[in-house]
Amino acid sequence: MMDLSATFIICFVMSLQCTFPGAAPCPPVSSPNITEFVCSSPTLSDFPSGFPKQIRTISVEFTNISIISVDALQALPHLRELHLSNNKLKTLPSSLFRDLPELTALDLTGNLLKDLPPRIFRNNSALEQLSLKENQLTLLRPSWFQALRSLKILDLSNNKLKEVPDLCFEKLEQLTDLDLSHNFLRTLSAPIFEGLPLLTGLNLEVNQLQSIADETFHAIPELKFLFLQNNSLDKLPAKVFEPLKLLEMLDISHNRLSSLAPPFSGQVSEPGLDLSGNPWVCDCRMHTLINWAKNNSVSLYSMKEMICSSPKDLEGRVVTSLSESEFSSC
């Protein structure tokens, strides 16, 4: 998405090399012809200043910067990409991005942010990609997203989120990809994805999900990829996936499911389904599920890890290896 592979020190500004030991690392360049500034230096502790008005890309990553002043990005009307990943940022001024009307990509990955000012993105209606992953966010504020009507990609993975407020994303009408993986979410409520009519990818893997409300996915009929693996789901509403007519991949592996009704109708065209790593009861319900998968050209992934947990005489058997007569009665 917006990640930069910067595992070594880079310090380059267009055709001008930055200075190293004995001078301030990565000094800003005031020439109006400079449109890109890239600096990754672990010795840098002060955010660069004096960017020219024509600058279009700023990448200051993998540094020791912990503070950015409110005026650090003042009056940069043509800035389109801002990459601030893997620094030591703990807080951000509420008006930091106020003068960036053309900003389309913002990467704050891998900092120490626990919270953000309520209206920090109020002037960034052009933003299309936002990454806040690998921080320490414990809550989401709906006000962060109120002005982001152009946002297409939102990455909130690897934080400490325990819940998502209802209607939190309702203004994100252009959003296509949402990543909430590697958090501590326990439930999904019905209004949680309201306002996301174009969402095609939703990642919820590695949370602590125990329940999903019946109508959770009604608001996102365009969804094609849904990842729910590595949670604590022991049951699912019978028709929870029914609205997802365009679904191409559903991963519910490594949960606590012992049975599952056919998750979607035959209207879905040859979807992929991963059921591995669950404690399946190999009875008539599982037989129904396997027959449904065969009859609807469903691709079952990791079939060798679809193991019977019970009854006792079938424990450890691969589900798809069983003959029709071997499935126990209900």
C-alpha atoms as a PDB file:
ATOM      1  CA  MET A   1       0.000   0.000   0.000  1.00  0.00           C
ATOM      2  CA  MET A   2       2.000   2.986   1.250  1.00  0.00           C
ATOM      3  CA  ASP A   3       4.926   1.209   2.915  1.00  0.00           C
ATOM      4  CA  LEU A   4       8.440   2.066   1.798  1.00  0.00           C
ATOM      5  CA  SER A   5      11.172  -0.580   2.046  1.00  0.00           C
ATOM      6  CA  ALA A   6      13.748   1.457   3.902  1.00  0.00           C
ATOM      7  CA  THR A   7      15.958  -0.910   5.862  1.00  0.00           C
ATOM      8  CA  PHE A   8      19.061   1.100   5.213  1.00  0.00           C
ATOM      9  CA  ILE A   9      19.955   4.781   5.491  1.00  0.00           C
ATOM     10  CA  ILE A  10      18.741   6.757   2.531  1.00  0.00           C
ATOM     11  CA  CYS A  11      19.354  10.446   2.275  1.00  0.00           C
ATOM     12  CA  PHE A  12      18.683  11.802  -1.158  1.00  0.00           C
ATOM     13  CA  VAL A  13      16.931  14.894  -2.428  1.00  0.00           C
ATOM     14  CA  MET A  14      16.371  14.683  -6.170  1.00  0.00           C
ATOM     15  CA  SER A  15      19.929  14.933  -7.521  1.00  0.00           C
ATOM     16  CA  LEU A  16      21.457  16.398  -4.342  1.00  0.00           C
ATOM     17  CA  GLN A  17      23.119  14.179  -1.723  1.00  0.00           C
ATOM     18  CA  CYS A  18      22.433  15.000   1.929  1.00  0.00           C
ATOM     19  CA  THR A  19      25.283  15.611   4.327  1.00  0.00           C
ATOM     20  CA  PHE A  20      26.125  13.125   7.062  1.00  0.00           C
ATOM     21  CA  PRO A  21      28.349  13.202  10.207  1.00  0.00           C
ATOM     22  CA  GLY A  22      29.289  16.652  11.388  1.00  0.00           C
ATOM     23  CA  ALA A  23      26.257  18.396   9.886  1.00  0.00           C
ATOM     24  CA  ALA A  24      22.496  18.351  10.325  1.00  0.00           C
ATOM     25  CA  PRO A  25      21.309  15.215   8.511  1.00  0.00           C
ATOM     26  CA  CYS A  26      19.111  15.672   5.477  1.00  0.00           C
ATOM     27  CA  PRO A  27      18.881  19.483   5.335  1.00  0.00           C
ATOM     28  CA  PRO A  28      15.857  20.916   3.516  1.00  0.00           C
ATOM     29  CA  VAL A  29      16.329  22.263   0.021  1.00  0.00           C
ATOM     30  CA  SER A  30      14.794  25.612  -0.797  1.00  0.00           C
ATOM     31  CA  SER A  31      15.059  25.468  -4.579  1.00  0.00           C
ATOM     32  CA  PRO A  32      11.587  25.716  -6.163  1.00  0.00           C
ATOM     33  CA  ASN A  33      12.633  22.992  -8.637  1.00  0.00           C
ATOM     34  CA  ILE A  34      12.866  20.353  -5.915  1.00  0.00           C
ATOM     35  CA  THR A  35       9.632  18.355  -5.819  1.00  0.00           C
ATOM     36  CA  GLU A  36      10.676  15.331  -3.738  1.00  0.00           C
ATOM     37  CA  PHE A  37      12.417  15.104  -0.380  1.00  0.00           C
ATOM     38  CA  VAL A  38      13.487  11.692   0.970  1.00  0.00           C
ATOM     39  CA  CYS A  39      15.305  11.212   4.251  1.00  0.00           C
ATOM     40  CA  SER A  40      15.794   8.124   6.391  1.00  0.00           C
ATOM     41  CA  SER A  41      18.459   8.622   9.026  1.00  0.00           C
ATOM     42  CA  PRO A  42      18.338   7.145  12.539  1.00  0.00           C
ATOM     43  CA  THR A  43      20.359  10.110  13.839  1.00  0.00           C
ATOM     44  CA  LEU A  44      17.757  12.687  12.791  1.00  0.00           C
ATOM     45  CA  SER A  45      15.928  14.051  15.850  1.00  0.00           C
ATOM     46  CA  ASP A  46      14.506  17.339  14.513  1.00  0.00           C
ATOM     47  CA  PHE A  47      11.977  17.450  11.722  1.00  0.00           C
ATOM     48  CA  PRO A  48      13.342  19.261   8.637  1.00  0.00           C
ATOM     49  CA  SER A  49      12.008  22.712   7.825  1.00  0.00           C
ATOM     50  CA  GLY A  50      11.941  25.169   4.934  1.00  0.00           C
ATOM     51  CA  PHE A  51      10.333  22.974   2.303  1.00  0.00           C
ATOM     52  CA  PRO A  52       9.701  24.831  -0.975  1.00  0.00           C
ATOM     53  CA  LYS A  53       6.108  25.476  -1.981  1.00  0.00           C
ATOM     54  CA  GLN A  54       6.493  23.255  -5.057  1.00  0.00           C
ATOM     55  CA  ILE A  55       7.291  20.145  -3.024  1.00  0.00           C
ATOM     56  CA  ARG A  56       5.065  17.181  -3.934  1.00  0.00           C
ATOM     57  CA  THR A  57       6.480  14.309  -1.876  1.00  0.00           C
ATOM     58  CA  ILE A  58       8.049  14.297   1.582  1.00  0.00           C
ATOM     59  CA  SER A  59       9.412  11.078   3.060  1.00  0.00           C
ATOM     60  CA  VAL A  60      10.978  11.340   6.521  1.00  0.00           C
ATOM     61  CA  GLU A  61      11.098   7.793   7.860  1.00  0.00           C
ATOM     62  CA  PHE A  62      13.100   5.527  10.180  1.00  0.00           C
ATOM     63  CA  THR A  63      14.385   8.472  12.221  1.00  0.00           C
ATOM     64  CA  ASN A  64      14.529   9.467  15.885  1.00  0.00           C
ATOM     65  CA  ILE A  65      11.963  12.256  15.506  1.00  0.00           C
ATOM     66  CA  SER A  66       9.441  12.326  18.355  1.00  0.00           C
ATOM     67  CA  ILE A  67       7.911  15.790  17.859  1.00  0.00           C
ATOM     68  CA  ILE A  68       6.669  17.761  14.880  1.00  0.00           C
ATOM     69  CA  SER A  69       5.817  21.426  15.366  1.00  0.00           C
ATOM     70  CA  VAL A  70       2.465  22.808  14.290  1.00  0.00           C
ATOM     71  CA  ASP A  71       4.106  24.856  11.523  1.00  0.00           C
ATOM     72  CA  ALA A  72       6.363  22.120  10.136  1.00  0.00           C
ATOM     73  CA  LEU A  73       4.171  21.599   7.068  1.00  0.00           C
ATOM     74  CA  GLN A  74       2.793  25.088   6.698  1.00  0.00           C
ATOM     75  CA  ALA A  75       1.699  26.354   3.271  1.00  0.00           C
ATOM     76  CA  LEU A  76       2.605  23.427   1.026  1.00  0.00           C
ATOM     77  CA  PRO A  77      -0.276  23.660  -1.446  1.00  0.00           C
ATOM     78  CA  HIS A  78       1.054  21.029  -3.873  1.00  0.00           C
ATOM     79  CA  LEU A  79       2.134  18.317  -1.436  1.00  0.00           C
ATOM     80  CA  ARG A  80       0.525  15.040  -2.477  1.00  0.00           C
ATOM     81  CA  GLU A  81       2.402  12.359  -0.501  1.00  0.00           C
ATOM     82  CA  LEU A  82       3.626  12.523   3.087  1.00  0.00           C
ATOM     83  CA  HIS A  83       5.459   9.502   4.504  1.00  0.00           C
ATOM     84  CA  LEU A  84       6.263   9.669   8.220  1.00  0.00           C
ATOM     85  CA  SER A  85       6.533   5.980   9.029  1.00  0.00           C
ATOM     86  CA  ASN A  86       8.779   4.355  11.626  1.00  0.00           C
ATOM     87  CA  ASN A  87       9.645   7.420  13.638  1.00  0.00           C
ATOM     88  CA  LYS A  88       9.069   8.042  17.360  1.00  0.00           C
ATOM     89  CA  LEU A  89       6.000  10.268  17.099  1.00  0.00           C
ATOM     90  CA  LYS A  90       3.789  10.184  20.196  1.00  0.00           C
ATOM     91  CA  THR A  91       1.457  13.094  19.442  1.00  0.00           C
ATOM     92  CA  LEU A  92       0.557  15.302  16.502  1.00  0.00           C
ATOM     93  CA  PRO A  93      -0.587  18.946  16.564  1.00  0.00           C
ATOM     94  CA  SER A  94      -4.258  19.372  15.680  1.00  0.00           C
ATOM     95  CA  SER A  95      -3.427  21.768  12.806  1.00  0.00           C
ATOM     96  CA  LEU A  96      -0.419  19.882  11.420  1.00  0.00           C
ATOM     97  CA  PHE A  97      -2.105  19.040   8.099  1.00  0.00           C
ATOM     98  CA  ARG A  98      -4.223  22.181   7.772  1.00  0.00           C
ATOM     99  CA  ASP A  99      -2.370  23.637   4.754  1.00  0.00           C
ATOM    100  CA  LEU A 100      -2.152  20.485   2.629  1.00  0.00           C
ATOM    101  CA  PRO A 101      -5.236  20.695   0.382  1.00  0.00           C
ATOM    102  CA  GLU A 102      -3.859  18.314  -2.285  1.00  0.00           C
ATOM    103  CA  LEU A 103      -2.577  15.607   0.071  1.00  0.00           C
ATOM    104  CA  THR A 104      -3.644  12.213  -1.276  1.00  0.00           C
ATOM    105  CA  ALA A 105      -1.406   9.775   0.657  1.00  0.00           C
ATOM    106  CA  LEU A 106      -0.431   9.919   4.334  1.00  0.00           C
ATOM    107  CA  ASP A 107       1.622   7.181   6.019  1.00  0.00           C
ATOM    108  CA  LEU A 108       2.011   7.260   9.809  1.00  0.00           C
ATOM    109  CA  THR A 109       2.889   3.582  10.161  1.00  0.00           C
ATOM    110  CA  GLY A 110       5.064   2.399  13.027  1.00  0.00           C
ATOM    111  CA  ASN A 111       4.989   5.342  15.405  1.00  0.00           C
ATOM    112  CA  LEU A 112       3.918   5.614  19.049  1.00  0.00           C
ATOM    113  CA  LEU A 113       0.583   7.355  18.583  1.00  0.00           C
ATOM    114  CA  LYS A 114      -1.993   6.590  21.280  1.00  0.00           C
ATOM    115  CA  ASP A 115      -4.540   9.137  20.081  1.00  0.00           C
ATOM    116  CA  LEU A 116      -5.042  11.892  17.520  1.00  0.00           C
ATOM    117  CA  PRO A 117      -6.718  15.301  17.826  1.00  0.00           C
ATOM    118  CA  PRO A 118     -10.444  15.009  17.029  1.00  0.00           C
ATOM    119  CA  ARG A 119     -10.417  17.023  13.772  1.00  0.00           C
ATOM    120  CA  ILE A 120      -6.851  16.555  12.627  1.00  0.00           C
ATOM    121  CA  PHE A 121      -7.888  15.683   9.031  1.00  0.00           C
ATOM    122  CA  ARG A 122     -10.589  18.331   8.680  1.00  0.00           C
ATOM    123  CA  ASN A 123      -8.836  20.065   5.734  1.00  0.00           C
ATOM    124  CA  ASN A 124      -7.736  16.929   3.909  1.00  0.00           C
ATOM    125  CA  SER A 125     -10.734  16.078   1.780  1.00  0.00           C
ATOM    126  CA  ALA A 126      -8.451  14.963  -1.099  1.00  0.00           C
ATOM    127  CA  LEU A 127      -6.845  12.195   0.988  1.00  0.00           C
ATOM    128  CA  GLU A 128      -7.142   8.793  -0.702  1.00  0.00           C
ATOM    129  CA  GLN A 129      -4.758   6.620   1.348  1.00  0.00           C
ATOM    130  CA  LEU A 130      -4.268   6.741   5.113  1.00  0.00           C
ATOM    131  CA  SER A 131      -2.142   4.344   7.147  1.00  0.00           C
ATOM    132  CA  LEU A 132      -2.185   4.434  10.950  1.00  0.00           C
ATOM    133  CA  LYS A 133      -1.048   0.853  11.393  1.00  0.00           C
ATOM    134  CA  GLU A 134       1.484  -0.312  13.981  1.00  0.00           C
ATOM    135  CA  ASN A 135       0.740   2.432  16.472  1.00  0.00           C
ATOM    136  CA  GLN A 136      -0.812   2.269  19.942  1.00  0.00           C
ATOM    137  CA  LEU A 137      -4.308   3.554  19.222  1.00  0.00           C
ATOM    138  CA  THR A 138      -6.823   2.344  21.790  1.00  0.00           C
ATOM    139  CA  LEU A 139      -9.868   4.067  20.308  1.00  0.00           C
ATOM    140  CA  LEU A 140     -11.232   5.443  17.065  1.00  0.00           C
ATOM    141  CA  ARG A 141     -12.808   8.881  16.849  1.00  0.00           C
ATOM    142  CA  PRO A 142     -15.502   9.220  14.158  1.00  0.00           C
ATOM    143  CA  SER A 143     -14.481  12.874  13.825  1.00  0.00           C
ATOM    144  CA  TRP A 144     -11.167  11.799  12.267  1.00  0.00           C
ATOM    145  CA  PHE A 145     -13.009  10.533   9.217  1.00  0.00           C
ATOM    146  CA  GLN A 146     -15.755  13.134   8.770  1.00  0.00           C
ATOM    147  CA  ALA A 147     -13.994  15.106   6.010  1.00  0.00           C
ATOM    148  CA  LEU A 148     -12.317  12.184   4.226  1.00  0.00           C
ATOM    149  CA  ARG A 149     -14.888  11.654   1.509  1.00  0.00           C
ATOM    150  CA  SER A 150     -12.230  10.711  -1.068  1.00  0.00           C
ATOM    151  CA  LEU A 151     -10.524   8.084   1.089  1.00  0.00           C
ATOM    152  CA  LYS A 152     -10.108   4.717  -0.644  1.00  0.00           C
ATOM    153  CA  ILE A 153      -7.635   2.828   1.558  1.00  0.00           C
ATOM    154  CA  LEU A 154      -7.603   2.894   5.376  1.00  0.00           C
ATOM    155  CA  ASP A 155      -5.170   0.776   7.388  1.00  0.00           C
ATOM    156  CA  LEU A 156      -5.747   0.610  11.154  1.00  0.00           C
ATOM    157  CA  SER A 157      -4.067  -2.748  11.725  1.00  0.00           C
ATOM    158  CA  ASN A 158      -1.703  -3.614  14.558  1.00  0.00           C
ATOM    159  CA  ASN A 159      -3.076  -1.208  17.125  1.00  0.00           C
ATOM    160  CA  LYS A 160      -4.851  -1.760  20.449  1.00  0.00           C
ATOM    161  CA  LEU A 161      -8.441  -1.195  19.363  1.00  0.00           C
ATOM    162  CA  LYS A 162     -11.096  -2.960  21.428  1.00  0.00           C
ATOM    163  CA  GLU A 163     -14.133  -1.627  19.587  1.00  0.00           C
ATOM    164  CA  VAL A 164     -15.242   0.390  16.597  1.00  0.00           C
ATOM    165  CA  PRO A 165     -17.947   2.993  17.293  1.00  0.00           C
ATOM    166  CA  ASP A 166     -21.175   2.558  15.354  1.00  0.00           C
ATOM    167  CA  LEU A 167     -21.242   4.646  12.155  1.00  0.00           C
ATOM    168  CA  CYS A 168     -17.566   5.475  12.643  1.00  0.00           C
ATOM    169  CA  PHE A 169     -16.893   5.201   8.894  1.00  0.00           C
ATOM    170  CA  GLU A 170     -20.239   6.457   7.558  1.00  0.00           C
ATOM    171  CA  LYS A 171     -18.699   9.362   5.597  1.00  0.00           C
ATOM    172  CA  LEU A 172     -16.162   7.197   3.759  1.00  0.00           C
ATOM    173  CA  GLU A 173     -18.307   6.574   0.710  1.00  0.00           C
ATOM    174  CA  GLN A 174     -15.326   5.940  -1.597  1.00  0.00           C
ATOM    175  CA  LEU A 175     -13.517   3.479   0.676  1.00  0.00           C
ATOM    176  CA  THR A 176     -12.574   0.213  -1.038  1.00  0.00           C
ATOM    177  CA  ASP A 177     -10.128  -1.356   1.459  1.00  0.00           C
ATOM    178  CA  LEU A 178     -10.319  -1.418   5.260  1.00  0.00           C
ATOM    179  CA  ASP A 179      -7.780  -3.213   7.448  1.00  0.00           C
ATOM    180  CA  LEU A 180      -8.632  -3.701  11.144  1.00  0.00           C
ATOM    181  CA  SER A 181      -6.519  -6.807  11.631  1.00  0.00           C
ATOM    182  CA  HIS A 182      -4.270  -7.489  14.621  1.00  0.00           C
ATOM    183  CA  ASN A 183      -6.331  -5.566  17.157  1.00  0.00           C
ATOM    184  CA  PHE A 184      -8.486  -6.611  20.122  1.00  0.00           C
ATOM    185  CA  LEU A 185     -12.005  -6.359  18.681  1.00  0.00           C
ATOM    186  CA  ARG A 186     -14.518  -8.657  20.370  1.00  0.00           C
ATOM    187  CA  THR A 187     -17.788  -7.982  18.538  1.00  0.00           C
ATOM    188  CA  LEU A 188     -19.072  -6.592  15.252  1.00  0.00           C
ATOM    189  CA  SER A 189     -22.335  -4.676  15.538  1.00  0.00           C
ATOM    190  CA  ALA A 190     -24.869  -4.189  12.756  1.00  0.00           C
ATOM    191  CA  PRO A 191     -24.140  -0.457  12.084  1.00  0.00           C
ATOM    192  CA  ILE A 192     -20.354  -0.800  12.154  1.00  0.00           C
ATOM    193  CA  PHE A 193     -19.859  -0.683   8.366  1.00  0.00           C
ATOM    194  CA  GLU A 194     -22.697   1.691   7.464  1.00  0.00           C
ATOM    195  CA  GLY A 195     -21.716   4.199   4.799  1.00  0.00           C
ATOM    196  CA  LEU A 196     -19.218   1.980   2.930  1.00  0.00           C
ATOM    197  CA  PRO A 197     -21.101   1.037  -0.268  1.00  0.00           C
ATOM    198  CA  LEU A 198     -17.918   0.497  -2.338  1.00  0.00           C
ATOM    199  CA  LEU A 199     -15.922  -1.585   0.152  1.00  0.00           C
ATOM    200  CA  THR A 200     -14.365  -4.607  -1.578  1.00  0.00           C
ATOM    201  CA  GLY A 201     -11.705  -5.719   0.929  1.00  0.00           C
ATOM    202  CA  LEU A 202     -12.156  -6.143   4.691  1.00  0.00           C
ATOM    203  CA  ASN A 203      -9.469  -7.631   6.932  1.00  0.00           C
ATOM    204  CA  LEU A 204     -10.423  -8.571  10.508  1.00  0.00           C
ATOM    205  CA  GLU A 205      -7.944 -11.380  11.101  1.00  0.00           C
ATOM    206  CA  VAL A 206      -6.154 -11.819  14.439  1.00  0.00           C
ATOM    207  CA  ASN A 207      -8.602 -10.061  16.719  1.00  0.00           C
ATOM    208  CA  GLN A 208     -10.620 -11.520  19.587  1.00  0.00           C
ATOM    209  CA  LEU A 209     -13.941 -11.686  17.785  1.00  0.00           C
ATOM    210  CA  GLN A 210     -16.534 -13.772  19.587  1.00  0.00           C
ATOM    211  CA  SER A 211     -19.731 -12.585  17.907  1.00  0.00           C
ATOM    212  CA  ILE A 212     -20.974 -10.973  14.715  1.00  0.00           C
ATOM    213  CA  ALA A 213     -24.440  -9.416  14.509  1.00  0.00           C
ATOM    214  CA  ASP A 214     -26.873 -10.768  11.913  1.00  0.00           C
ATOM    215  CA  GLU A 215     -26.908  -7.654   9.696  1.00  0.00           C
ATOM    216  CA  THR A 216     -23.251  -6.665  10.009  1.00  0.00           C
ATOM    217  CA  PHE A 217     -22.490  -7.068   6.292  1.00  0.00           C
ATOM    218  CA  HIS A 218     -25.741  -5.673   4.856  1.00  0.00           C
ATOM    219  CA  ALA A 219     -24.155  -2.255   4.242  1.00  0.00           C
ATOM    220  CA  ILE A 220     -21.228  -3.581   2.173  1.00  0.00           C
ATOM    221  CA  PRO A 221     -22.732  -5.574  -0.728  1.00  0.00           C
ATOM    222  CA  GLU A 222     -19.686  -4.983  -2.975  1.00  0.00           C
ATOM    223  CA  LEU A 223     -17.359  -6.931  -0.655  1.00  0.00           C
ATOM    224  CA  LYS A 224     -15.129  -9.435  -2.464  1.00  0.00           C
ATOM    225  CA  PHE A 225     -12.527 -10.373   0.165  1.00  0.00           C
ATOM    226  CA  LEU A 226     -13.340 -11.019   3.825  1.00  0.00           C
ATOM    227  CA  PHE A 227     -10.717 -12.245   6.283  1.00  0.00           C
ATOM    228  CA  LEU A 228     -11.900 -13.442   9.717  1.00  0.00           C
ATOM    229  CA  GLN A 229      -9.212 -15.999  10.501  1.00  0.00           C
ATOM    230  CA  ASN A 230      -7.528 -16.365  13.892  1.00  0.00           C
ATOM    231  CA  ASN A 231     -10.380 -15.130  16.038  1.00  0.00           C
ATOM    232  CA  SER A 232     -12.562 -16.759  18.703  1.00  0.00           C
ATOM    233  CA  LEU A 233     -15.796 -17.295  16.772  1.00  0.00           C
ATOM    234  CA  ASP A 234     -17.648 -20.402  17.946  1.00  0.00           C
ATOM    235  CA  LYS A 235     -20.833 -19.738  15.962  1.00  0.00           C
ATOM    236  CA  LEU A 236     -22.113 -17.469  13.220  1.00  0.00           C
ATOM    237  CA  PRO A 237     -25.641 -16.294  12.363  1.00  0.00           C
ATOM    238  CA  ALA A 238     -27.065 -18.580   9.676  1.00  0.00           C
ATOM    239  CA  LYS A 239     -27.372 -15.899   6.971  1.00  0.00           C
ATOM    240  CA  VAL A 240     -24.726 -13.416   8.070  1.00  0.00           C
ATOM    241  CA  PHE A 241     -22.870 -13.647   4.728  1.00  0.00           C
ATOM    242  CA  GLU A 242     -26.014 -13.792   2.570  1.00  0.00           C
ATOM    243  CA  PRO A 243     -25.814 -10.133   1.354  1.00  0.00           C
ATOM    244  CA  LEU A 244     -22.319 -10.699  -0.060  1.00  0.00           C
ATOM    245  CA  LYS A 245     -23.248 -11.801  -3.584  1.00  0.00           C
ATOM    246  CA  LEU A 246     -19.859 -10.792  -5.045  1.00  0.00           C
ATOM    247  CA  LEU A 247     -17.686 -12.536  -2.476  1.00  0.00           C
ATOM    248  CA  GLU A 248     -14.584 -14.163  -3.970  1.00  0.00           C
ATOM    249  CA  MET A 249     -12.755 -15.174  -0.787  1.00  0.00           C
ATOM    250  CA  LEU A 250     -13.947 -15.886   2.743  1.00  0.00           C
ATOM    251  CA  ASP A 251     -11.386 -16.991   5.335  1.00  0.00           C
ATOM    252  CA  ILE A 252     -12.782 -18.180   8.672  1.00  0.00           C
ATOM    253  CA  SER A 253      -9.941 -20.536   9.471  1.00  0.00           C
ATOM    254  CA  HIS A 254      -8.534 -21.003  12.962  1.00  0.00           C
ATOM    255  CA  ASN A 255     -11.605 -20.065  14.929  1.00  0.00           C
ATOM    256  CA  ARG A 256     -13.687 -22.231  17.279  1.00  0.00           C
ATOM    257  CA  LEU A 257     -16.427 -23.256  14.874  1.00  0.00           C
ATOM    258  CA  SER A 258     -17.804 -26.764  15.266  1.00  0.00           C
ATOM    259  CA  SER A 259     -20.520 -26.414  12.632  1.00  0.00           C
ATOM    260  CA  LEU A 260     -21.498 -24.012   9.889  1.00  0.00           C
ATOM    261  CA  ALA A 261     -24.506 -23.596   7.649  1.00  0.00           C
ATOM    262  CA  PRO A 262     -23.647 -22.962   3.972  1.00  0.00           C
ATOM    263  CA  PRO A 263     -22.331 -19.395   4.288  1.00  0.00           C
ATOM    264  CA  PHE A 264     -23.727 -17.962   1.053  1.00  0.00           C
ATOM    265  CA  SER A 265     -26.165 -18.772  -1.701  1.00  0.00           C
ATOM    266  CA  GLY A 266     -25.475 -20.367  -5.047  1.00  0.00           C
ATOM    267  CA  GLN A 267     -25.584 -16.897  -6.618  1.00  0.00           C
ATOM    268  CA  VAL A 268     -21.949 -16.359  -5.623  1.00  0.00           C
ATOM    269  CA  SER A 269     -19.762 -17.401  -8.559  1.00  0.00           C
ATOM    270  CA  GLU A 270     -17.092 -19.982  -7.603  1.00  0.00           C
ATOM    271  CA  PRO A 271     -15.934 -18.405  -4.324  1.00  0.00           C
ATOM    272  CA  GLY A 272     -12.942 -19.453  -2.239  1.00  0.00           C
ATOM    273  CA  LEU A 273     -13.451 -20.632   1.328  1.00  0.00           C
ATOM    274  CA  ASP A 274     -10.960 -21.521   4.063  1.00  0.00           C
ATOM    275  CA  LEU A 275     -12.432 -23.572   6.916  1.00  0.00           C
ATOM    276  CA  SER A 276      -9.207 -25.067   8.248  1.00  0.00           C
ATOM    277  CA  GLY A 277      -8.117 -25.087  11.873  1.00  0.00           C
ATOM    278  CA  ASN A 278     -11.605 -25.289  13.427  1.00  0.00           C
ATOM    279  CA  PRO A 279     -12.851 -28.080  15.762  1.00  0.00           C
ATOM    280  CA  TRP A 280     -15.440 -29.512  13.363  1.00  0.00           C
ATOM    281  CA  VAL A 281     -18.133 -31.952  14.416  1.00  0.00           C
ATOM    282  CA  CYS A 282     -18.359 -34.363  11.504  1.00  0.00           C
ATOM    283  CA  ASP A 283     -22.082 -35.042  11.522  1.00  0.00           C
ATOM    284  CA  CYS A 284     -24.935 -34.439   9.071  1.00  0.00           C
ATOM    285  CA  ARG A 285     -24.408 -30.670   9.234  1.00  0.00           C
ATOM    286  CA  MET A 286     -20.829 -30.985   8.038  1.00  0.00           C
ATOM    287  CA  HIS A 287     -21.972 -33.419   5.363  1.00  0.00           C
ATOM    288  CA  THR A 288     -24.454 -30.781   4.159  1.00  0.00           C
ATOM    289  CA  LEU A 289     -21.730 -28.143   4.093  1.00  0.00           C
ATOM    290  CA  ILE A 290     -19.314 -30.316   2.096  1.00  0.00           C
ATOM    291  CA  ASN A 291     -22.008 -31.257  -0.423  1.00  0.00           C
ATOM    292  CA  TRP A 292     -22.965 -27.602  -0.796  1.00  0.00           C
ATOM    293  CA  ALA A 293     -19.329 -26.718  -1.513  1.00  0.00           C
ATOM    294  CA  LYS A 294     -19.089 -29.397  -4.204  1.00  0.00           C
ATOM    295  CA  ASN A 295     -22.396 -28.499  -5.837  1.00  0.00           C
ATOM    296  CA  ASN A 296     -21.562 -24.784  -5.985  1.00  0.00           C
ATOM    297  CA  SER A 297     -17.965 -25.070  -7.242  1.00  0.00           C
ATOM    298  CA  VAL A 298     -16.597 -23.604  -4.000  1.00  0.00           C
ATOM    299  CA  SER A 299     -12.808 -23.822  -3.748  1.00  0.00           C
ATOM    300  CA  LEU A 300     -11.879 -25.165  -0.314  1.00  0.00           C
ATOM    301  CA  TYR A 301      -8.406 -24.073   0.814  1.00  0.00           C
ATOM    302  CA  SER A 302      -6.116 -25.942   3.231  1.00  0.00           C
ATOM    303  CA  MET A 303      -8.340 -29.009   3.064  1.00  0.00           C
ATOM    304  CA  LYS A 304      -5.782 -31.193   4.845  1.00  0.00           C
ATOM    305  CA  GLU A 305      -6.224 -28.959   7.893  1.00  0.00           C
ATOM    306  CA  MET A 306     -10.002 -29.394   7.937  1.00  0.00           C
ATOM    307  CA  ILE A 307      -9.979 -31.952  10.727  1.00  0.00           C
ATOM    308  CA  CYS A 308     -12.794 -33.689  12.580  1.00  0.00           C
ATOM    309  CA  SER A 309     -12.731 -32.948  16.302  1.00  0.00           C
ATOM    310  CA  SER A 310     -15.670 -35.273  17.029  1.00  0.00           C
ATOM    311  CA  PRO A 311     -17.272 -37.784  17.218  1.00  0.00           C
ATOM    312  CA  LYS A 312     -14.557 -39.854  18.839  1.00  0.00           C
ATOM    313  CA  ASP A 313     -14.291 -42.440  16.085  1.00  0.00           C
ATOM    314  CA  LEU A 314     -13.642 -39.692  13.495  1.00  0.00           C
ATOM    315  CA  GLU A 315     -11.303 -37.547  15.579  1.00  0.00           C
ATOM    316  CA  GLY A 316      -8.279 -36.448  13.565  1.00  0.00           C
ATOM    317  CA  ARG A 317      -9.744 -37.459  10.210  1.00  0.00           C
ATOM    318  CA  VAL A 318      -9.628 -35.012   7.285  1.00  0.00           C
ATOM    319  CA  VAL A 319     -13.215 -33.909   6.677  1.00  0.00           C
ATOM    320  CA  THR A 320     -13.057 -34.155   2.901  1.00  0.00           C
ATOM    321  CA  SER A 321     -11.670 -37.711   3.091  1.00  0.00           C
ATOM    322  CA  LEU A 322     -14.861 -39.057   4.673  1.00  0.00           C
ATOM    323  CA  SER A 323     -17.332 -41.043   2.626  1.00  0.00           C
ATOM    324  CA  GLU A 324     -21.010 -40.162   2.799  1.00  0.00           C
ATOM    325  CA  SER A 325     -21.733 -43.071   5.122  1.00  0.00           C
ATOM    326  CA  GLU A 326     -18.987 -42.108   7.578  1.00  0.00           C
ATOM    327  CA  PHE A 327     -20.553 -38.828   8.659  1.00  0.00           C
ATOM    328  CA  SER A 328     -22.372 -39.392  11.922  1.00  0.00           C
ATOM    329  CA  SER A 329     -26.039 -38.616  12.305  1.00  0.00           C
ATOM    330  CA  CYS A 330     -27.309 -35.469  13.987  1.00  0.00           C
END
